[in-house]
Amino acid sequence: MKKFYQEIYVDNDIIVVNKAHGLLSIPDRFDKEKVNLLDLLKRKYEEVIPVHRIDKDTSGLIVFALNAEAHHNLSKQFQEREIQKIYTAIVYGYPPQDNGVFDQSILIHEGKHKVSIHRSGKSAITEYELIEKFLNFSYLKLMLITGRRHQIRAHLAYNGLPIVSDPMYGKSPSFFLSEIKGRKYNIKKYENERPLTNRQLLHATEIAFKHPRTSELMEFEAKLPKDMKAMLYQLEKLNTV
């Protein structure tokens, strides 16, 4: 049975969770019966209030408040950009510099899930750093300065660096090993190739904030999930510069 989430830290005010990909952070707008992290936590804790969210097929760290006071404090930290959120992603191509900033406004279209880069949108800023460069791919560290919907995914795609296996902003909803091996990839007769991954390779790796009650600096890190580790292993073996 798939493990939906792992509790990283919990006290009387907050809970920090490492969410698996494929799980909604909060209930779906149109289908309240879909399994989601908030409802799972409510089975265990008396009061759980979402402070932020990550996409269904993004894995990694997410914080919930366990009372109204903690929720108010954390929400204020988010609004004042005091909370540090760091992601890692595997993308097609590589940036022109080892580090830099994506500063393109994001426009949210009413009634549509997908966003677009447009000057009439809201300010959106993402800092990036190249962790590892391959022949056709990159492993990136990304820091959110603002927190718009799909910000990282939209920024990367717009700048020619779509996340591997991103169904909305990328090249394909799945990634196959044959894309790396090319003609060297052999598959047995009558067999279909299985994807190496079928979700966007984006992970909420680190988060840091002040504890809502004590103001102590809280820092958390979530290790890479198996699919991203497997992808990096294959790239290091077959796609080195």
Protein backbone atom coordinates (compact mmCIF):
# COMPACT_ATOMS: atom_id res chain seq x y z
CA MET A 1 0.00 0.00 0.00
CA LYS A 2 1.34 3.42 -0.94
CA LYS A 3 2.34 5.67 1.94
CA PHE A 4 0.66 9.01 1.32
CA TYR A 5 2.70 11.12 3.72
CA GLN A 6 5.28 11.15 6.49
CA GLU A 7 5.07 13.36 9.56
CA ILE A 8 8.39 15.20 9.91
CA TYR A 9 7.55 17.30 12.95
CA VAL A 10 4.51 17.97 15.14
CA ASP A 11 3.78 19.96 18.32
CA ASN A 12 0.72 21.74 19.72
CA ASP A 13 0.79 24.42 17.01
CA ILE A 14 2.11 23.00 13.74
CA ILE A 15 2.64 19.85 11.77
CA VAL A 16 5.24 19.52 9.01
CA VAL A 17 4.59 16.77 6.49
CA ASN A 18 6.52 15.19 3.61
CA LYS A 19 3.78 14.58 1.02
CA ALA A 20 4.03 11.87 -1.62
CA HIS A 21 3.31 12.78 -5.24
CA GLY A 22 -0.17 11.88 -6.44
CA LEU A 23 -1.90 13.22 -3.31
CA LEU A 24 -3.91 16.44 -3.21
CA SER A 25 -2.90 18.90 -0.47
CA ILE A 26 -6.49 20.00 0.18
CA PRO A 27 -9.93 18.84 -1.05
CA ASP A 28 -10.62 19.12 -4.77
CA ARG A 29 -12.94 22.00 -5.72
CA PHE A 30 -15.27 19.78 -7.71
CA ASP A 31 -14.88 16.32 -6.15
CA LYS A 32 -14.73 16.49 -2.36
CA GLU A 33 -14.47 12.70 -2.15
CA LYS A 34 -10.95 12.55 -3.60
CA VAL A 35 -8.30 11.53 -1.10
CA ASN A 36 -6.35 14.53 0.14
CA LEU A 37 -3.75 15.29 2.80
CA LEU A 38 -5.91 17.69 4.81
CA ASP A 39 -8.68 15.13 5.32
CA LEU A 40 -6.16 12.42 6.23
CA LEU A 41 -4.65 14.67 8.90
CA LYS A 42 -8.08 15.60 10.25
CA ARG A 43 -8.66 11.95 11.09
CA LYS A 44 -5.80 12.21 13.57
CA TYR A 45 -5.79 15.81 14.80
CA GLU A 46 -8.68 17.82 16.24
CA GLU A 47 -8.05 20.97 14.18
CA VAL A 48 -5.93 21.22 11.03
CA ILE A 49 -5.76 24.45 9.01
CA PRO A 50 -3.91 24.69 5.67
CA VAL A 51 -1.33 27.47 5.45
CA HIS A 52 -0.08 26.80 1.90
CA ARG A 53 -0.22 23.96 -0.60
CA ILE A 54 1.82 22.14 -3.21
CA ASP A 55 0.52 20.60 -6.42
CA LYS A 56 -0.86 17.07 -6.42
CA ASP A 57 2.06 15.64 -8.40
CA THR A 58 4.72 17.65 -6.59
CA SER A 59 6.22 15.85 -3.63
CA GLY A 60 7.78 17.28 -0.50
CA LEU A 61 7.30 19.53 2.50
CA ILE A 62 4.07 21.21 3.48
CA VAL A 63 3.09 22.90 6.77
CA PHE A 64 -0.30 22.95 8.49
CA ALA A 65 -1.41 24.92 11.55
CA LEU A 66 -3.12 23.11 14.41
CA ASN A 67 -4.93 26.16 15.78
CA ALA A 68 -6.18 29.56 14.62
CA GLU A 69 -3.37 31.53 16.30
CA ALA A 70 -0.66 29.52 14.57
CA HIS A 71 -2.49 29.82 11.26
CA HIS A 72 -2.67 33.62 11.55
CA ASN A 73 1.03 33.88 12.39
CA LEU A 74 2.23 31.58 9.60
CA SER A 75 -0.06 33.20 7.04
CA LYS A 76 1.42 36.58 7.95
CA GLN A 77 4.95 35.16 7.49
CA PHE A 78 3.96 33.95 4.03
CA GLN A 79 2.43 37.31 3.11
CA GLU A 80 5.56 39.15 4.25
CA ARG A 81 7.82 36.66 2.42
CA GLU A 82 9.56 35.59 5.61
CA ILE A 83 9.18 31.87 4.92
CA GLN A 84 11.93 30.27 2.83
CA LYS A 85 10.84 27.53 0.44
CA ILE A 86 13.37 25.62 -1.66
CA TYR A 87 12.51 23.13 -4.39
CA THR A 88 14.57 20.82 -6.58
CA ALA A 89 13.65 19.87 -10.14
CA ILE A 90 14.98 17.86 -13.07
CA VAL A 91 14.45 19.75 -16.31
CA TYR A 92 15.16 19.54 -20.02
CA GLY A 93 18.09 21.71 -21.14
CA TYR A 94 20.14 23.92 -18.87
CA PRO A 95 20.19 27.61 -17.96
CA PRO A 96 22.69 30.02 -19.57
CA GLN A 97 24.21 30.77 -16.15
CA ASP A 98 24.85 28.65 -13.07
CA ASN A 99 22.53 30.86 -11.02
CA GLY A 100 20.10 33.65 -11.68
CA VAL A 101 16.55 34.93 -11.32
CA PHE A 102 13.33 34.37 -13.27
CA ASP A 103 11.27 37.54 -12.96
CA GLN A 104 8.19 37.20 -15.16
CA SER A 105 4.65 38.09 -14.09
CA ILE A 106 2.10 35.28 -13.90
CA LEU A 107 -1.46 35.67 -15.11
CA ILE A 108 -4.12 33.43 -13.58
CA HIS A 109 -7.06 32.84 -15.94
CA GLU A 110 -10.48 32.62 -14.33
CA GLY A 111 -11.93 29.14 -14.70
CA LYS A 112 -8.66 27.65 -15.95
CA HIS A 113 -6.07 25.70 -14.02
CA LYS A 114 -3.11 26.55 -16.24
CA VAL A 115 -1.42 29.93 -15.81
CA SER A 116 0.56 31.97 -18.33
CA ILE A 117 3.44 34.42 -18.33
CA HIS A 118 2.06 37.88 -19.13
CA ARG A 119 3.06 41.42 -18.23
CA SER A 120 -0.45 42.14 -16.93
CA GLY A 121 -0.15 39.34 -14.37
CA LYS A 122 1.09 39.47 -10.79
CA SER A 123 4.78 39.79 -9.96
CA ALA A 124 6.46 36.39 -9.70
CA ILE A 125 10.12 35.85 -8.79
CA THR A 126 12.05 32.56 -8.65
CA GLU A 127 15.75 32.28 -7.92
CA TYR A 128 17.58 29.30 -9.39
CA GLU A 129 20.91 27.54 -8.97
CA LEU A 130 22.39 24.80 -11.15
CA ILE A 131 23.19 21.75 -9.01
CA GLU A 132 24.27 19.39 -11.79
CA LYS A 133 24.46 19.67 -15.56
CA PHE A 134 23.96 16.74 -17.92
CA LEU A 135 24.09 16.51 -21.70
CA ASN A 136 20.40 17.25 -22.27
CA PHE A 137 19.09 17.84 -18.76
CA SER A 138 19.75 19.81 -15.56
CA TYR A 139 19.19 19.31 -11.88
CA LEU A 140 18.16 22.65 -10.37
CA LYS A 141 17.66 24.22 -6.97
CA LEU A 142 14.83 26.78 -6.93
CA MET A 143 13.87 29.30 -4.28
CA LEU A 144 10.43 30.90 -4.28
CA ILE A 145 10.53 34.62 -3.56
CA THR A 146 6.82 34.95 -4.35
CA GLY A 147 4.26 32.15 -4.25
CA ARG A 148 2.02 32.22 -7.32
CA ARG A 149 0.10 29.22 -8.63
CA HIS A 150 2.37 26.92 -10.67
CA GLN A 151 5.11 29.55 -10.41
CA ILE A 152 8.12 27.25 -10.75
CA ARG A 153 6.55 25.12 -13.47
CA ALA A 154 5.48 28.14 -15.53
CA HIS A 155 8.77 30.01 -15.09
CA LEU A 156 10.87 27.01 -16.08
CA ALA A 157 8.76 26.23 -19.15
CA TYR A 158 8.75 29.87 -20.29
CA ASN A 159 12.54 30.01 -20.01
CA GLY A 160 13.06 26.88 -22.08
CA LEU A 161 13.59 24.52 -19.13
CA PRO A 162 10.38 22.47 -18.82
CA ILE A 163 10.27 20.04 -15.92
CA VAL A 164 10.61 16.41 -16.94
CA SER A 165 7.22 14.71 -17.22
CA ASP A 166 5.17 17.86 -16.52
CA PRO A 167 1.82 17.16 -18.24
CA MET A 168 0.71 20.80 -18.30
CA TYR A 169 3.83 22.83 -19.06
CA GLY A 170 6.27 20.19 -20.27
CA LYS A 171 6.90 18.05 -23.32
CA SER A 172 5.16 14.86 -22.23
CA PRO A 173 3.25 13.48 -19.20
CA SER A 174 5.66 10.53 -18.96
CA PHE A 175 9.39 9.96 -19.32
CA PHE A 176 10.94 6.81 -20.76
CA LEU A 177 14.48 5.51 -20.39
CA SER A 178 14.68 5.23 -24.17
CA GLU A 179 14.76 9.05 -24.30
CA ILE A 180 18.21 8.86 -22.75
CA LYS A 181 19.49 5.65 -24.31
CA GLY A 182 18.10 6.26 -27.82
CA ARG A 183 18.99 3.46 -30.23
CA LYS A 184 20.91 1.68 -27.50
CA TYR A 185 17.65 0.92 -25.69
CA ASN A 186 16.47 -2.63 -26.28
CA ILE A 187 13.01 -3.84 -25.44
CA LYS A 188 11.86 -7.41 -25.69
CA LYS A 189 9.45 -8.34 -28.46
CA TYR A 190 5.78 -7.94 -27.55
CA GLU A 191 6.63 -5.83 -24.50
CA ASN A 192 5.74 -2.19 -23.97
CA GLU A 193 8.25 0.15 -22.37
CA ARG A 194 7.23 1.30 -18.93
CA PRO A 195 7.82 4.95 -18.02
CA LEU A 196 10.63 5.82 -15.67
CA THR A 197 8.27 8.42 -14.21
CA ASN A 198 4.83 9.78 -15.01
CA ARG A 199 4.72 12.88 -12.81
CA GLN A 200 6.57 16.20 -12.88
CA LEU A 201 9.96 15.79 -11.21
CA LEU A 202 9.57 18.64 -8.75
CA HIS A 203 10.16 18.25 -5.01
CA ALA A 204 9.66 20.70 -2.12
CA THR A 205 13.00 19.99 -0.48
CA GLU A 206 13.44 22.58 2.28
CA ILE A 207 11.32 24.99 4.30
CA ALA A 208 12.30 27.45 7.04
CA PHE A 209 10.11 29.71 9.17
CA LYS A 210 9.74 31.14 12.67
CA HIS A 211 7.72 29.04 15.07
CA PRO A 212 4.35 30.80 15.51
CA ARG A 213 4.50 30.60 19.31
CA THR A 214 8.19 30.79 20.25
CA SER A 215 9.67 32.61 17.20
CA GLU A 216 12.38 29.93 17.11
CA LEU A 217 13.78 29.33 13.61
CA MET A 218 12.42 26.02 12.33
CA GLU A 219 14.24 24.37 9.42
CA PHE A 220 13.22 21.15 7.70
CA GLU A 221 14.47 19.08 4.79
CA ALA A 222 12.90 16.18 2.89
CA LYS A 223 15.10 13.72 1.01
CA LEU A 224 14.51 13.16 -2.69
CA PRO A 225 11.83 10.58 -3.53
CA LYS A 226 12.76 7.32 -5.28
CA ASP A 227 11.67 8.40 -8.78
CA MET A 228 13.90 11.49 -8.77
CA LYS A 229 16.83 9.48 -7.38
CA ALA A 230 16.32 6.91 -10.14
CA MET A 231 16.22 9.62 -12.80
CA LEU A 232 19.43 11.23 -11.53
CA TYR A 233 21.14 7.83 -11.43
CA GLN A 234 20.27 7.19 -15.07
CA LEU A 235 21.37 10.67 -16.13
CA GLU A 236 24.69 10.37 -14.31
CA LYS A 237 25.26 7.02 -16.00
CA LEU A 238 24.03 7.77 -19.51
CA ASN A 239 23.74 11.51 -20.08
CA THR A 240 26.92 13.10 -18.72
CA VAL A 241 28.43 16.14 -20.42
